[in-house]
């Protein structure tokens, strides 16, 4: 694919088509990798984005309870002190 380099203020850049942006799920930022004479543009994913809000909602709804006890019947917590 050929792209034109365009003037952006005092810098230069290029535009990605909407199709590429949607296909590769590019949001606000990308990672730029320089490797063996090539420039690689990689979308930055945020796998934990929104977790803080979700955990807060879970706590408010009482959904953040342990699924099983954190100490088992045959476990002696004093062994770890």
PDB file of N, CA and C in Angstrom:
ATOM      1  N   UNK A   1       0.850  -1.171   0.000  1.00  0.00           N
ATOM      2  CA  UNK A   1       0.000   0.000   0.000  1.00  0.00           C
ATOM      3  C   UNK A   1       0.896   1.234   0.000  1.00  0.00           C
ATOM      4  N   UNK A   2       0.572   2.170  -0.812  1.00  0.00           N
ATOM      5  CA  UNK A   2       1.349   3.398  -0.910  1.00  0.00           C
ATOM      6  C   UNK A   2       0.569   4.528  -0.253  1.00  0.00           C
ATOM      7  N   UNK A   3       1.259   5.293   0.617  1.00  0.00           N
ATOM      8  CA  UNK A   3       0.652   6.440   1.283  1.00  0.00           C
ATOM      9  C   UNK A   3       1.463   7.690   0.975  1.00  0.00           C
ATOM     10  N   UNK A   4       0.794   8.818   0.903  1.00  0.00           N
ATOM     11  CA  UNK A   4       1.482  10.087   0.702  1.00  0.00           C
ATOM     12  C   UNK A   4       1.858  10.683   2.049  1.00  0.00           C
ATOM     13  N   UNK A   5       3.061  11.244   2.112  1.00  0.00           N
ATOM     14  CA  UNK A   5       3.502  11.955   3.301  1.00  0.00           C
ATOM     15  C   UNK A   5       2.982  13.381   3.183  1.00  0.00           C
ATOM     16  N   UNK A   6       2.307  13.855   4.229  1.00  0.00           N
ATOM     17  CA  UNK A   6       1.681  15.174   4.188  1.00  0.00           C
ATOM     18  C   UNK A   6       2.252  16.071   5.288  1.00  0.00           C
ATOM     19  N   UNK A   7       2.138  17.367   5.089  1.00  0.00           N
ATOM     20  CA  UNK A   7       2.580  18.346   6.072  1.00  0.00           C
ATOM     21  C   UNK A   7       1.524  18.444   7.168  1.00  0.00           C
ATOM     22  N   UNK A   8       1.955  18.354   8.430  1.00  0.00           N
ATOM     23  CA  UNK A   8       1.064  18.530   9.583  1.00  0.00           C
ATOM     24  C   UNK A   8       1.770  19.507  10.517  1.00  0.00           C
ATOM     25  N   UNK A   9       1.446  20.775  10.410  1.00  0.00           N
ATOM     26  CA  UNK A   9       2.149  21.801  11.184  1.00  0.00           C
ATOM     27  C   UNK A   9       3.609  21.827  10.769  1.00  0.00           C
ATOM     28  N   UNK A  10       4.515  21.735  11.752  1.00  0.00           N
ATOM     29  CA  UNK A  10       5.949  21.697  11.464  1.00  0.00           C
ATOM     30  C   UNK A  10       6.447  20.274  11.223  1.00  0.00           C
ATOM     31  N   UNK A  11       5.553  19.307  11.312  1.00  0.00           N
ATOM     32  CA  UNK A  11       5.929  17.902  11.154  1.00  0.00           C
ATOM     33  C   UNK A  11       5.370  17.351   9.854  1.00  0.00           C
ATOM     34  N   UNK A  12       5.645  16.110   9.623  1.00  0.00           N
ATOM     35  CA  UNK A  12       5.057  15.402   8.482  1.00  0.00           C
ATOM     36  C   UNK A  12       4.438  14.122   9.007  1.00  0.00           C
ATOM     37  N   UNK A  13       3.455  13.641   8.288  1.00  0.00           N
ATOM     38  CA  UNK A  13       2.769  12.432   8.700  1.00  0.00           C
ATOM     39  C   UNK A  13       2.052  11.814   7.522  1.00  0.00           C
ATOM     40  N   UNK A  14       1.229  10.832   7.813  1.00  0.00           N
ATOM     41  CA  UNK A  14       0.410  10.211   6.773  1.00  0.00           C
ATOM     42  C   UNK A  14      -0.914   9.801   7.383  1.00  0.00           C
ATOM     43  N   UNK A  15      -1.902   9.634   6.522  1.00  0.00           N
ATOM     44  CA  UNK A  15      -3.253   9.265   6.961  1.00  0.00           C
ATOM     45  C   UNK A  15      -3.497   7.794   6.681  1.00  0.00           C
ATOM     46  N   UNK A  16      -4.166   7.154   7.631  1.00  0.00           N
ATOM     47  CA  UNK A  16      -4.604   5.775   7.428  1.00  0.00           C
ATOM     48  C   UNK A  16      -6.086   5.805   7.066  1.00  0.00           C
ATOM     49  N   UNK A  17      -6.480   4.931   6.179  1.00  0.00           N
ATOM     50  CA  UNK A  17      -7.884   4.901   5.771  1.00  0.00           C
ATOM     51  C   UNK A  17      -8.759   4.383   6.913  1.00  0.00           C
ATOM     52  N   UNK A  18     -10.004   4.757   6.870  1.00  0.00           N
ATOM     53  CA  UNK A  18     -10.973   4.319   7.875  1.00  0.00           C
ATOM     54  C   UNK A  18     -11.047   2.796   7.901  1.00  0.00           C
ATOM     55  N   UNK A  19     -10.940   2.181   6.749  1.00  0.00           N
ATOM     56  CA  UNK A  19     -10.986   0.720   6.655  1.00  0.00           C
ATOM     57  C   UNK A  19      -9.854   0.081   7.462  1.00  0.00           C
ATOM     58  N   UNK A  20      -8.633   0.598   7.305  1.00  0.00           N
ATOM     59  CA  UNK A  20      -7.492   0.060   8.066  1.00  0.00           C
ATOM     60  C   UNK A  20      -7.655   0.304   9.559  1.00  0.00           C
ATOM     61  N   UNK A  21      -8.110   1.477   9.914  1.00  0.00           N
ATOM     62  CA  UNK A  21      -8.298   1.818  11.322  1.00  0.00           C
ATOM     63  C   UNK A  21      -9.310   0.876  11.969  1.00  0.00           C
ATOM     64  N   UNK A  22     -10.393   0.617  11.297  1.00  0.00           N
ATOM     65  CA  UNK A  22     -11.415  -0.281  11.839  1.00  0.00           C
ATOM     66  C   UNK A  22     -10.939  -1.733  11.841  1.00  0.00           C
ATOM     67  N   UNK A  23     -10.297  -2.162  10.755  1.00  0.00           N
ATOM     68  CA  UNK A  23      -9.847  -3.547  10.642  1.00  0.00           C
ATOM     69  C   UNK A  23      -8.853  -3.915  11.741  1.00  0.00           C
ATOM     70  N   UNK A  24      -7.938  -2.994  12.066  1.00  0.00           N
ATOM     71  CA  UNK A  24      -6.901  -3.286  13.052  1.00  0.00           C
ATOM     72  C   UNK A  24      -7.209  -2.672  14.418  1.00  0.00           C
ATOM     73  N   UNK A  25      -8.439  -2.198  14.586  1.00  0.00           N
ATOM     74  CA  UNK A  25      -8.926  -1.689  15.874  1.00  0.00           C
ATOM     75  C   UNK A  25      -7.982  -0.635  16.459  1.00  0.00           C
ATOM     76  N   UNK A  26      -7.598   0.322  15.633  1.00  0.00           N
ATOM     77  CA  UNK A  26      -6.714   1.396  16.071  1.00  0.00           C
ATOM     78  C   UNK A  26      -7.561   2.470  16.744  1.00  0.00           C
ATOM     79  N   UNK A  27      -7.165   2.822  17.958  1.00  0.00           N
ATOM     80  CA  UNK A  27      -7.912   3.840  18.732  1.00  0.00           C
ATOM     81  C   UNK A  27      -7.113   5.139  18.769  1.00  0.00           C
ATOM     82  N   UNK A  28      -6.681   5.554  19.945  1.00  0.00           N
ATOM     83  CA  UNK A  28      -6.010   6.838  20.110  1.00  0.00           C
ATOM     84  C   UNK A  28      -4.505   6.782  19.896  1.00  0.00           C
ATOM     85  N   UNK A  29      -3.889   5.632  20.149  1.00  0.00           N
ATOM     86  CA  UNK A  29      -2.438   5.529  20.073  1.00  0.00           C
ATOM     87  C   UNK A  29      -2.030   4.258  19.339  1.00  0.00           C
ATOM     88  N   UNK A  30      -0.830   4.302  18.756  1.00  0.00           N
ATOM     89  CA  UNK A  30      -0.229   3.122  18.143  1.00  0.00           C
ATOM     90  C   UNK A  30       1.204   3.004  18.645  1.00  0.00           C
ATOM     91  N   UNK A  31       1.750   1.810  18.545  1.00  0.00           N
ATOM     92  CA  UNK A  31       3.151   1.582  18.876  1.00  0.00           C
ATOM     93  C   UNK A  31       3.943   1.601  17.579  1.00  0.00           C
ATOM     94  N   UNK A  32       5.040   2.333  17.553  1.00  0.00           N
ATOM     95  CA  UNK A  32       5.894   2.427  16.382  1.00  0.00           C
ATOM     96  C   UNK A  32       7.150   1.604  16.655  1.00  0.00           C
ATOM     97  N   UNK A  33       7.383   0.587  15.831  1.00  0.00           N
ATOM     98  CA  UNK A  33       8.521  -0.305  16.012  1.00  0.00           C
ATOM     99  C   UNK A  33       9.459  -0.137  14.824  1.00  0.00           C
ATOM    100  N   UNK A  34      10.724   0.143  15.110  1.00  0.00           N
ATOM    101  CA  UNK A  34      11.738   0.254  14.060  1.00  0.00           C
ATOM    102  C   UNK A  34      12.539  -1.041  14.078  1.00  0.00           C
ATOM    103  N   UNK A  35      12.482  -1.785  12.959  1.00  0.00           N
ATOM    104  CA  UNK A  35      13.087  -3.108  12.943  1.00  0.00           C
ATOM    105  C   UNK A  35      13.697  -3.415  11.577  1.00  0.00           C
ATOM    106  N   UNK A  36      15.001  -3.568  11.542  1.00  0.00           N
ATOM    107  CA  UNK A  36      15.717  -3.979  10.333  1.00  0.00           C
ATOM    108  C   UNK A  36      15.300  -3.187   9.095  1.00  0.00           C
ATOM    109  N   UNK A  37      15.327  -1.869   9.206  1.00  0.00           N
ATOM    110  CA  UNK A  37      15.001  -1.034   8.058  1.00  0.00           C
ATOM    111  C   UNK A  37      13.517  -0.916   7.745  1.00  0.00           C
ATOM    112  N   UNK A  38      12.661  -1.391   8.651  1.00  0.00           N
ATOM    113  CA  UNK A  38      11.218  -1.313   8.454  1.00  0.00           C
ATOM    114  C   UNK A  38      10.589  -0.541   9.611  1.00  0.00           C
ATOM    115  N   UNK A  39       9.492   0.101   9.328  1.00  0.00           N
ATOM    116  CA  UNK A  39       8.691   0.749  10.359  1.00  0.00           C
ATOM    117  C   UNK A  39       7.407  -0.064  10.485  1.00  0.00           C
ATOM    118  N   UNK A  40       7.141  -0.531  11.698  1.00  0.00           N
ATOM    119  CA  UNK A  40       5.941  -1.324  11.966  1.00  0.00           C
ATOM    120  C   UNK A  40       5.025  -0.488  12.850  1.00  0.00           C
ATOM    121  N   UNK A  41       3.784  -0.348  12.448  1.00  0.00           N
ATOM    122  CA  UNK A  41       2.787   0.367  13.230  1.00  0.00           C
ATOM    123  C   UNK A  41       1.853  -0.677  13.823  1.00  0.00           C
ATOM    124  N   UNK A  42       1.781  -0.698  15.140  1.00  0.00           N
ATOM    125  CA  UNK A  42       1.013  -1.732  15.835  1.00  0.00           C
ATOM    126  C   UNK A  42      -0.009  -1.066  16.758  1.00  0.00           C
ATOM    127  N   UNK A  43      -1.268  -1.494  16.694  1.00  0.00           N
ATOM    128  CA  UNK A  43      -2.269  -0.919  17.599  1.00  0.00           C
ATOM    129  C   UNK A  43      -1.897  -1.229  19.052  1.00  0.00           C
ATOM    130  N   UNK A  44      -2.180  -0.302  19.943  1.00  0.00           N
ATOM    131  CA  UNK A  44      -1.961  -0.529  21.371  1.00  0.00           C
ATOM    132  C   UNK A  44      -3.280  -0.995  21.953  1.00  0.00           C
ATOM    133  N   UNK A  45      -3.248  -2.153  22.557  1.00  0.00           N
ATOM    134  CA  UNK A  45      -4.462  -2.661  23.186  1.00  0.00           C
ATOM    135  C   UNK A  45      -4.391  -2.389  24.682  1.00  0.00           C
ATOM    136  N   UNK A  46      -5.525  -2.172  25.268  1.00  0.00           N
ATOM    137  CA  UNK A  46      -5.627  -1.949  26.706  1.00  0.00           C
ATOM    138  C   UNK A  46      -6.509  -3.044  27.297  1.00  0.00           C
ATOM    139  N   UNK A  47      -5.946  -4.231  27.529  1.00  0.00           N
ATOM    140  CA  UNK A  47      -6.775  -5.354  27.971  1.00  0.00           C
ATOM    141  C   UNK A  47      -7.448  -5.142  29.318  1.00  0.00           C
ATOM    142  N   UNK A  48      -6.896  -4.278  30.157  1.00  0.00           N
ATOM    143  CA  UNK A  48      -7.489  -4.066  31.481  1.00  0.00           C
ATOM    144  C   UNK A  48      -8.269  -2.753  31.571  1.00  0.00           C
ATOM    145  N   UNK A  49      -8.498  -2.143  30.424  1.00  0.00           N
ATOM    146  CA  UNK A  49      -9.239  -0.884  30.405  1.00  0.00           C
ATOM    147  C   UNK A  49     -10.650  -1.133  30.934  1.00  0.00           C
ATOM    148  N   UNK A  50     -11.066  -0.294  31.860  1.00  0.00           N
ATOM    149  CA  UNK A  50     -12.415  -0.411  32.416  1.00  0.00           C
ATOM    150  C   UNK A  50     -12.522  -1.336  33.615  1.00  0.00           C
ATOM    151  N   UNK A  51     -11.428  -2.008  33.975  1.00  0.00           N
ATOM    152  CA  UNK A  51     -11.486  -2.939  35.101  1.00  0.00           C
ATOM    153  C   UNK A  51     -11.811  -2.228  36.404  1.00  0.00           C
ATOM    154  N   UNK A  52     -11.227  -1.045  36.633  1.00  0.00           N
ATOM    155  CA  UNK A  52     -11.455  -0.338  37.886  1.00  0.00           C
ATOM    156  C   UNK A  52     -12.942  -0.055  38.082  1.00  0.00           C
ATOM    157  N   UNK A  53     -13.591   0.418  37.049  1.00  0.00           N
ATOM    158  CA  UNK A  53     -15.027   0.711  37.127  1.00  0.00           C
ATOM    159  C   UNK A  53     -15.825  -0.580  37.346  1.00  0.00           C
ATOM    160  N   UNK A  54     -15.445  -1.646  36.636  1.00  0.00           N
ATOM    161  CA  UNK A  54     -16.153  -2.921  36.777  1.00  0.00           C
ATOM    162  C   UNK A  54     -16.006  -3.472  38.188  1.00  0.00           C
ATOM    163  N   UNK A  55     -14.802  -3.379  38.765  1.00  0.00           N
ATOM    164  CA  UNK A  55     -14.588  -3.882  40.118  1.00  0.00           C
ATOM    165  C   UNK A  55     -15.382  -3.062  41.137  1.00  0.00           C
ATOM    166  N   UNK A  56     -15.458  -1.759  40.921  1.00  0.00           N
ATOM    167  CA  UNK A  56     -16.228  -0.906  41.819  1.00  0.00           C
ATOM    168  C   UNK A  56     -17.701  -1.294  41.770  1.00  0.00           C
ATOM    169  N   UNK A  57     -18.222  -1.521  40.567  1.00  0.00           N
ATOM    170  CA  UNK A  57     -19.619  -1.932  40.421  1.00  0.00           C
ATOM    171  C   UNK A  57     -19.859  -3.295  41.063  1.00  0.00           C
ATOM    172  N   UNK A  58     -18.900  -4.214  40.887  1.00  0.00           N
ATOM    173  CA  UNK A  58     -19.034  -5.525  41.520  1.00  0.00           C
ATOM    174  C   UNK A  58     -19.118  -5.387  43.036  1.00  0.00           C
ATOM    175  N   UNK A  59     -18.278  -4.527  43.600  1.00  0.00           N
ATOM    176  CA  UNK A  59     -18.282  -4.308  45.043  1.00  0.00           C
ATOM    177  C   UNK A  59     -19.608  -3.724  45.502  1.00  0.00           C
ATOM    178  N   UNK A  60     -20.103  -2.737  44.775  1.00  0.00           N
ATOM    179  CA  UNK A  60     -21.375  -2.104  45.139  1.00  0.00           C
ATOM    180  C   UNK A  60     -22.532  -3.088  45.075  1.00  0.00           C
ATOM    181  N   UNK A  61     -22.459  -4.055  44.143  1.00  0.00           N
ATOM    182  CA  UNK A  61     -23.522  -5.052  43.987  1.00  0.00           C
ATOM    183  C   UNK A  61     -23.308  -6.290  44.859  1.00  0.00           C
ATOM    184  N   UNK A  62     -22.193  -6.327  45.593  1.00  0.00           N
ATOM    185  CA  UNK A  62     -21.903  -7.492  46.437  1.00  0.00           C
ATOM    186  C   UNK A  62     -21.456  -8.705  45.639  1.00  0.00           C
ATOM    187  N   UNK A  63     -20.981  -8.477  44.413  1.00  0.00           N
ATOM    188  CA  UNK A  63     -20.563  -9.580  43.539  1.00  0.00           C
ATOM    189  C   UNK A  63     -19.076  -9.892  43.638  1.00  0.00           C
ATOM    190  N   UNK A  64     -18.380  -9.300  44.599  1.00  0.00           N
ATOM    191  CA  UNK A  64     -16.932  -9.510  44.692  1.00  0.00           C
ATOM    192  C   UNK A  64     -16.557 -10.451  45.842  1.00  0.00           C
ATOM    193  N   UNK A  65     -17.411 -11.421  46.116  1.00  0.00           N
ATOM    194  CA  UNK A  65     -17.158 -12.379  47.184  1.00  0.00           C
ATOM    195  C   UNK A  65     -16.256 -13.509  46.677  1.00  0.00           C
ATOM    196  N   UNK A  66     -15.504 -14.118  47.601  1.00  0.00           N
ATOM    197  CA  UNK A  66     -14.655 -15.252  47.237  1.00  0.00           C
ATOM    198  C   UNK A  66     -15.530 -16.424  46.799  1.00  0.00           C
ATOM    199  N   UNK A  67     -15.086 -17.138  45.786  1.00  0.00           N
ATOM    200  CA  UNK A  67     -15.823 -18.311  45.314  1.00  0.00           C
ATOM    201  C   UNK A  67     -15.549 -19.522  46.202  1.00  0.00           C
ATOM    202  N   UNK A  68     -14.398 -19.517  46.854  1.00  0.00           N
ATOM    203  CA  UNK A  68     -14.065 -20.558  47.826  1.00  0.00           C
ATOM    204  C   UNK A  68     -13.168 -19.936  48.887  1.00  0.00           C
ATOM    205  N   UNK A  69     -13.090 -20.599  50.044  1.00  0.00           N
ATOM    206  CA  UNK A  69     -12.301 -20.055  51.146  1.00  0.00           C
ATOM    207  C   UNK A  69     -10.849 -19.876  50.733  1.00  0.00           C
ATOM    208  N   UNK A  70     -10.226 -18.817  51.265  1.00  0.00           N
ATOM    209  CA  UNK A  70      -8.822 -18.576  50.922  1.00  0.00           C
ATOM    210  C   UNK A  70      -7.874 -19.419  51.776  1.00  0.00           C
ATOM    211  N   UNK A  71      -8.386 -20.106  52.787  1.00  0.00           N
ATOM    212  CA  UNK A  71      -7.588 -21.045  53.577  1.00  0.00           C
ATOM    213  C   UNK A  71      -8.303 -22.391  53.525  1.00  0.00           C
ATOM    214  N   UNK A  72      -7.585 -23.412  53.114  1.00  0.00           N
ATOM    215  CA  UNK A  72      -8.165 -24.742  53.008  1.00  0.00           C
ATOM    216  C   UNK A  72      -8.113 -25.446  54.359  1.00  0.00           C
ATOM    217  N   UNK A  73      -8.947 -26.470  54.529  1.00  0.00           N
ATOM    218  CA  UNK A  73      -9.048 -27.184  55.800  1.00  0.00           C
ATOM    219  C   UNK A  73      -7.702 -27.745  56.265  1.00  0.00           C
ATOM    220  N   UNK A  74      -6.915 -28.267  55.336  1.00  0.00           N
ATOM    221  CA  UNK A  74      -5.646 -28.901  55.704  1.00  0.00           C
ATOM    222  C   UNK A  74      -4.460 -27.936  55.672  1.00  0.00           C
ATOM    223  N   UNK A  75      -4.740 -26.650  55.586  1.00  0.00           N
ATOM    224  CA  UNK A  75      -3.674 -25.661  55.483  1.00  0.00           C
ATOM    225  C   UNK A  75      -3.441 -25.001  56.847  1.00  0.00           C
ATOM    226  N   UNK A  76      -2.185 -24.800  57.170  1.00  0.00           N
ATOM    227  CA  UNK A  76      -1.837 -24.152  58.436  1.00  0.00           C
ATOM    228  C   UNK A  76      -1.189 -22.793  58.124  1.00  0.00           C
ATOM    229  N   UNK A  77      -1.927 -21.687  58.360  1.00  0.00           N
ATOM    230  CA  UNK A  77      -1.389 -20.369  58.020  1.00  0.00           C
ATOM    231  C   UNK A  77      -0.133 -20.014  58.814  1.00  0.00           C
ATOM    232  N   UNK A  78       0.075 -20.624  59.970  1.00  0.00           N
ATOM    233  CA  UNK A  78       1.254 -20.323  60.795  1.00  0.00           C
ATOM    234  C   UNK A  78       2.543 -20.826  60.129  1.00  0.00           C
ATOM    235  N   UNK A  79       2.414 -21.787  59.194  1.00  0.00           N
ATOM    236  CA  UNK A  79       3.588 -22.291  58.481  1.00  0.00           C
ATOM    237  C   UNK A  79       4.220 -21.192  57.641  1.00  0.00           C
ATOM    238  N   UNK A  80       3.455 -20.167  57.275  1.00  0.00           N
ATOM    239  CA  UNK A  80       3.924 -19.129  56.382  1.00  0.00           C
ATOM    240  C   UNK A  80       4.461 -17.912  57.130  1.00  0.00           C
ATOM    241  N   UNK A  81       4.411 -17.938  58.468  1.00  0.00           N
ATOM    242  CA  UNK A  81       4.926 -16.773  59.197  1.00  0.00           C
ATOM    243  C   UNK A  81       6.342 -16.957  59.664  1.00  0.00           C
TER     244      UNK A  81
END
